[in-house]
Amino acid sequence: MSTFDKRQEGFEKKFALDEEQKFKAEARRNRLLGLWAAEKLGMSGEAAAAYAKEVVAADFEEAGDDDVLRKVMGDFAAKDVAITEQAIRAKMSELIAVAAAEVKAGK
């Protein structure tokens, strides 16, 4: 195996690891967002944990964050919780930083 092949293999492994960490961070962010939203919806305990799982599952509907945003916004609207789309997006941005740090720390 040449030096070039070894270098290419190293880049491929790093890319795969980065993508795995990105996936884990997004899933963790969605769980944290679900717990935050559950609190705003008046849920706690098992109900909050179940709702957080629903938010995580919502992310598999389509690529990107819009499916998660739609889920949370729809649930807020159904319960007359007055939170703007911008506020939810801001919370998502805040939580992705927290989730990425937790994933990198191995939590």
N, C-alpha and C. Protein backbone atom coordinates (compact mmCIF):
# COMPACT_ATOMS: atom_id res chain seq x y z
N MET A 1 0.86 -1.17 0.00
CA MET A 1 0.00 0.00 0.00
C MET A 1 0.91 1.24 0.00
N SER A 2 0.65 2.14 -0.93
CA SER A 2 1.48 3.32 -1.05
C SER A 2 1.12 4.35 0.02
N THR A 3 1.97 5.33 0.16
CA THR A 3 1.72 6.41 1.12
C THR A 3 0.42 7.13 0.77
N PHE A 4 0.20 7.33 -0.53
CA PHE A 4 -1.04 7.98 -0.98
C PHE A 4 -2.26 7.18 -0.56
N ASP A 5 -2.22 5.85 -0.74
CA ASP A 5 -3.35 4.99 -0.36
C ASP A 5 -3.59 5.05 1.15
N LYS A 6 -2.52 5.04 1.93
CA LYS A 6 -2.66 5.12 3.38
C LYS A 6 -3.27 6.46 3.79
N ARG A 7 -2.83 7.51 3.13
CA ARG A 7 -3.35 8.83 3.43
C ARG A 7 -4.84 8.93 3.07
N GLN A 8 -5.19 8.38 1.92
CA GLN A 8 -6.59 8.39 1.49
C GLN A 8 -7.45 7.59 2.46
N GLU A 9 -6.96 6.45 2.89
CA GLU A 9 -7.70 5.63 3.85
C GLU A 9 -7.89 6.37 5.17
N GLY A 10 -6.86 7.11 5.59
CA GLY A 10 -6.97 7.90 6.81
C GLY A 10 -8.04 8.98 6.70
N PHE A 11 -8.10 9.66 5.54
CA PHE A 11 -9.12 10.68 5.32
C PHE A 11 -10.52 10.07 5.31
N GLU A 12 -10.64 8.89 4.70
CA GLU A 12 -11.95 8.22 4.66
C GLU A 12 -12.42 7.83 6.05
N LYS A 13 -11.51 7.34 6.87
CA LYS A 13 -11.86 6.97 8.25
C LYS A 13 -12.26 8.20 9.05
N LYS A 14 -11.53 9.30 8.88
CA LYS A 14 -11.87 10.54 9.59
C LYS A 14 -13.23 11.05 9.15
N PHE A 15 -13.51 11.00 7.86
CA PHE A 15 -14.81 11.45 7.36
C PHE A 15 -15.93 10.60 7.96
N ALA A 16 -15.75 9.28 8.00
CA ALA A 16 -16.76 8.38 8.56
C ALA A 16 -16.98 8.68 10.05
N LEU A 17 -15.91 8.92 10.78
CA LEU A 17 -16.03 9.24 12.20
C LEU A 17 -16.75 10.57 12.41
N ASP A 18 -16.39 11.57 11.59
CA ASP A 18 -17.05 12.88 11.69
C ASP A 18 -18.54 12.78 11.41
N GLU A 19 -18.91 12.00 10.40
CA GLU A 19 -20.32 11.84 10.07
C GLU A 19 -21.08 11.11 11.17
N GLU A 20 -20.44 10.11 11.78
CA GLU A 20 -21.06 9.38 12.88
C GLU A 20 -21.28 10.31 14.08
N GLN A 21 -20.29 11.14 14.38
CA GLN A 21 -20.43 12.08 15.50
C GLN A 21 -21.50 13.12 15.20
N LYS A 22 -21.59 13.56 13.95
CA LYS A 22 -22.62 14.52 13.56
C LYS A 22 -24.01 13.91 13.76
N PHE A 23 -24.18 12.66 13.33
CA PHE A 23 -25.46 11.97 13.49
C PHE A 23 -25.83 11.84 14.96
N LYS A 24 -24.87 11.44 15.77
CA LYS A 24 -25.11 11.27 17.21
C LYS A 24 -25.46 12.61 17.86
N ALA A 25 -24.75 13.67 17.46
CA ALA A 25 -25.01 14.99 18.03
C ALA A 25 -26.40 15.48 17.65
N GLU A 26 -26.82 15.25 16.41
CA GLU A 26 -28.15 15.68 15.99
C GLU A 26 -29.24 14.90 16.73
N ALA A 27 -29.04 13.61 16.90
CA ALA A 27 -30.02 12.80 17.64
C ALA A 27 -30.09 13.25 19.10
N ARG A 28 -28.94 13.54 19.69
CA ARG A 28 -28.92 14.01 21.08
C ARG A 28 -29.56 15.39 21.18
N ARG A 29 -29.29 16.26 20.22
CA ARG A 29 -29.92 17.58 20.19
C ARG A 29 -31.43 17.45 20.13
N ASN A 30 -31.91 16.53 19.29
CA ASN A 30 -33.35 16.34 19.16
C ASN A 30 -33.97 15.81 20.45
N ARG A 31 -33.26 14.95 21.16
CA ARG A 31 -33.75 14.46 22.45
C ARG A 31 -33.81 15.59 23.46
N LEU A 32 -32.76 16.40 23.49
CA LEU A 32 -32.74 17.55 24.40
C LEU A 32 -33.83 18.55 24.05
N LEU A 33 -34.04 18.77 22.76
CA LEU A 33 -35.12 19.66 22.31
C LEU A 33 -36.47 19.09 22.73
N GLY A 34 -36.63 17.79 22.60
CA GLY A 34 -37.88 17.14 23.00
C GLY A 34 -38.14 17.30 24.48
N LEU A 35 -37.10 17.18 25.30
CA LEU A 35 -37.26 17.36 26.75
C LEU A 35 -37.61 18.81 27.08
N TRP A 36 -36.97 19.75 26.38
CA TRP A 36 -37.27 21.18 26.58
C TRP A 36 -38.72 21.47 26.18
N ALA A 37 -39.12 20.95 25.00
CA ALA A 37 -40.49 21.18 24.53
C ALA A 37 -41.51 20.52 25.45
N ALA A 38 -41.19 19.33 25.93
CA ALA A 38 -42.10 18.63 26.84
C ALA A 38 -42.35 19.46 28.09
N GLU A 39 -41.32 20.09 28.60
CA GLU A 39 -41.47 20.95 29.78
C GLU A 39 -42.41 22.11 29.45
N LYS A 40 -42.23 22.71 28.27
CA LYS A 40 -43.09 23.83 27.86
C LYS A 40 -44.55 23.37 27.68
N LEU A 41 -44.71 22.09 27.33
CA LEU A 41 -46.05 21.52 27.12
C LEU A 41 -46.66 20.99 28.42
N GLY A 42 -45.93 21.12 29.52
CA GLY A 42 -46.46 20.69 30.82
C GLY A 42 -46.25 19.22 31.11
N MET A 43 -45.34 18.58 30.42
CA MET A 43 -45.06 17.15 30.63
C MET A 43 -43.86 16.99 31.56
N SER A 44 -43.82 15.85 32.24
CA SER A 44 -42.66 15.52 33.05
C SER A 44 -42.54 14.00 33.13
N GLY A 45 -41.44 13.55 33.66
CA GLY A 45 -41.24 12.11 33.88
C GLY A 45 -41.31 11.29 32.61
N GLU A 46 -42.06 10.20 32.69
CA GLU A 46 -42.18 9.26 31.58
C GLU A 46 -42.80 9.91 30.34
N ALA A 47 -43.77 10.79 30.54
CA ALA A 47 -44.42 11.47 29.42
C ALA A 47 -43.41 12.33 28.67
N ALA A 48 -42.55 13.03 29.39
CA ALA A 48 -41.52 13.86 28.77
C ALA A 48 -40.51 13.01 28.01
N ALA A 49 -40.11 11.90 28.60
CA ALA A 49 -39.15 11.00 27.94
C ALA A 49 -39.76 10.41 26.67
N ALA A 50 -41.02 10.03 26.73
CA ALA A 50 -41.70 9.49 25.54
C ALA A 50 -41.82 10.55 24.46
N TYR A 51 -42.13 11.77 24.85
CA TYR A 51 -42.24 12.85 23.88
C TYR A 51 -40.88 13.13 23.23
N ALA A 52 -39.82 13.10 24.01
CA ALA A 52 -38.47 13.31 23.47
C ALA A 52 -38.14 12.25 22.42
N LYS A 53 -38.57 11.02 22.65
CA LYS A 53 -38.36 9.95 21.66
C LYS A 53 -39.15 10.23 20.39
N GLU A 54 -40.34 10.80 20.52
CA GLU A 54 -41.14 11.16 19.34
C GLU A 54 -40.43 12.23 18.52
N VAL A 55 -39.81 13.18 19.20
CA VAL A 55 -39.09 14.24 18.49
C VAL A 55 -37.89 13.65 17.76
N VAL A 56 -37.17 12.75 18.39
CA VAL A 56 -36.04 12.09 17.73
C VAL A 56 -36.53 11.33 16.50
N ALA A 57 -37.63 10.60 16.64
CA ALA A 57 -38.18 9.82 15.52
C ALA A 57 -38.65 10.73 14.38
N ALA A 58 -39.11 11.92 14.70
CA ALA A 58 -39.59 12.84 13.68
C ALA A 58 -38.48 13.23 12.71
N ASP A 59 -37.24 13.17 13.16
CA ASP A 59 -36.11 13.57 12.32
C ASP A 59 -35.88 12.62 11.16
N PHE A 60 -36.47 11.45 11.20
CA PHE A 60 -36.25 10.46 10.14
C PHE A 60 -37.25 10.59 9.00
N GLU A 61 -38.15 11.58 9.07
CA GLU A 61 -39.15 11.77 8.02
C GLU A 61 -38.54 12.33 6.75
N GLU A 62 -37.59 13.25 6.87
CA GLU A 62 -36.93 13.86 5.71
C GLU A 62 -35.58 14.40 6.13
N ALA A 63 -34.76 14.73 5.16
CA ALA A 63 -33.44 15.28 5.46
C ALA A 63 -33.58 16.69 6.02
N GLY A 64 -32.67 17.05 6.91
CA GLY A 64 -32.69 18.39 7.48
C GLY A 64 -33.46 18.46 8.77
N ASP A 65 -33.59 19.68 9.28
CA ASP A 65 -34.21 19.91 10.58
C ASP A 65 -35.68 20.30 10.49
N ASP A 66 -36.19 20.51 9.29
CA ASP A 66 -37.56 21.02 9.14
C ASP A 66 -38.61 20.08 9.72
N ASP A 67 -38.38 18.76 9.61
CA ASP A 67 -39.36 17.81 10.15
C ASP A 67 -39.44 17.90 11.67
N VAL A 68 -38.32 18.09 12.32
CA VAL A 68 -38.30 18.24 13.78
C VAL A 68 -38.98 19.55 14.17
N LEU A 69 -38.65 20.60 13.46
CA LEU A 69 -39.25 21.91 13.72
C LEU A 69 -40.77 21.86 13.56
N ARG A 70 -41.23 21.22 12.49
CA ARG A 70 -42.68 21.09 12.25
C ARG A 70 -43.36 20.33 13.38
N LYS A 71 -42.73 19.26 13.84
CA LYS A 71 -43.30 18.45 14.93
C LYS A 71 -43.49 19.30 16.18
N VAL A 72 -42.44 19.97 16.59
CA VAL A 72 -42.49 20.76 17.83
C VAL A 72 -43.46 21.94 17.67
N MET A 73 -43.38 22.64 16.54
CA MET A 73 -44.28 23.77 16.33
C MET A 73 -45.74 23.33 16.30
N GLY A 74 -46.01 22.19 15.67
CA GLY A 74 -47.37 21.67 15.62
C GLY A 74 -47.90 21.32 17.00
N ASP A 75 -47.04 20.72 17.81
CA ASP A 75 -47.45 20.35 19.17
C ASP A 75 -47.65 21.59 20.04
N PHE A 76 -46.80 22.59 19.86
CA PHE A 76 -46.99 23.84 20.59
C PHE A 76 -48.30 24.51 20.17
N ALA A 77 -48.59 24.53 18.88
CA ALA A 77 -49.82 25.15 18.38
C ALA A 77 -51.05 24.43 18.92
N ALA A 78 -50.98 23.09 18.97
CA ALA A 78 -52.11 22.30 19.46
C ALA A 78 -52.41 22.58 20.93
N LYS A 79 -51.39 22.92 21.68
CA LYS A 79 -51.55 23.18 23.13
C LYS A 79 -51.55 24.68 23.44
N ASP A 80 -51.62 25.51 22.40
CA ASP A 80 -51.63 26.97 22.55
C ASP A 80 -50.43 27.50 23.34
N VAL A 81 -49.26 26.92 23.07
CA VAL A 81 -48.02 27.41 23.65
C VAL A 81 -47.45 28.43 22.67
N ALA A 82 -47.31 29.65 23.10
CA ALA A 82 -46.88 30.74 22.23
C ALA A 82 -45.36 30.85 22.18
N ILE A 83 -44.76 30.12 21.24
CA ILE A 83 -43.32 30.19 21.01
C ILE A 83 -43.13 30.30 19.50
N THR A 84 -42.28 31.23 19.09
CA THR A 84 -42.08 31.47 17.66
C THR A 84 -41.13 30.43 17.05
N GLU A 85 -41.20 30.34 15.73
CA GLU A 85 -40.29 29.46 15.00
C GLU A 85 -38.84 29.88 15.25
N GLN A 86 -38.60 31.17 15.29
CA GLN A 86 -37.24 31.67 15.54
C GLN A 86 -36.74 31.25 16.92
N ALA A 87 -37.61 31.25 17.90
CA ALA A 87 -37.21 30.83 19.25
C ALA A 87 -36.86 29.35 19.27
N ILE A 88 -37.62 28.55 18.54
CA ILE A 88 -37.32 27.11 18.48
C ILE A 88 -36.01 26.88 17.74
N ARG A 89 -35.82 27.57 16.63
CA ARG A 89 -34.55 27.44 15.88
C ARG A 89 -33.36 27.88 16.74
N ALA A 90 -33.54 28.93 17.52
CA ALA A 90 -32.46 29.39 18.41
C ALA A 90 -32.15 28.32 19.45
N LYS A 91 -33.18 27.70 19.99
CA LYS A 91 -32.98 26.63 20.98
C LYS A 91 -32.28 25.44 20.32
N MET A 92 -32.63 25.13 19.08
CA MET A 92 -31.98 24.04 18.36
C MET A 92 -30.49 24.34 18.17
N SER A 93 -30.17 25.58 17.83
CA SER A 93 -28.76 25.98 17.66
C SER A 93 -28.00 25.89 18.98
N GLU A 94 -28.63 26.32 20.04
CA GLU A 94 -28.01 26.24 21.36
C GLU A 94 -27.76 24.78 21.75
N LEU A 95 -28.75 23.94 21.50
CA LEU A 95 -28.65 22.54 21.93
C LEU A 95 -27.70 21.72 21.07
N ILE A 96 -27.50 22.09 19.79
CA ILE A 96 -26.57 21.32 18.96
C ILE A 96 -25.15 21.51 19.49
N ALA A 97 -24.84 22.69 20.00
CA ALA A 97 -23.52 22.92 20.59
C ALA A 97 -23.33 22.07 21.85
N VAL A 98 -24.36 22.02 22.68
CA VAL A 98 -24.31 21.20 23.90
C VAL A 98 -24.17 19.73 23.53
N ALA A 99 -24.97 19.28 22.58
CA ALA A 99 -24.96 17.86 22.18
C ALA A 99 -23.62 17.48 21.56
N ALA A 100 -23.07 18.34 20.71
CA ALA A 100 -21.78 18.03 20.07
C ALA A 100 -20.68 17.92 21.13
N ALA A 101 -20.70 18.79 22.11
CA ALA A 101 -19.70 18.72 23.19
C ALA A 101 -19.85 17.43 23.99
N GLU A 102 -21.10 17.02 24.24
CA GLU A 102 -21.33 15.78 24.98
C GLU A 102 -20.86 14.57 24.20
N VAL A 103 -21.12 14.57 22.89
CA VAL A 103 -20.68 13.44 22.04
C VAL A 103 -19.17 13.35 22.01
N LYS A 104 -18.51 14.50 21.85
CA LYS A 104 -17.05 14.50 21.82
C LYS A 104 -16.45 14.07 23.15
N ALA A 105 -17.15 14.38 24.23
CA ALA A 105 -16.68 13.99 25.56
C ALA A 105 -16.97 12.52 25.88
N GLY A 106 -17.73 11.88 24.99
CA GLY A 106 -18.04 10.46 25.18
C GLY A 106 -19.17 10.20 26.13
N LYS A 107 -20.02 11.17 26.33
CA LYS A 107 -21.17 11.00 27.24
C LYS A 107 -22.29 10.30 26.56
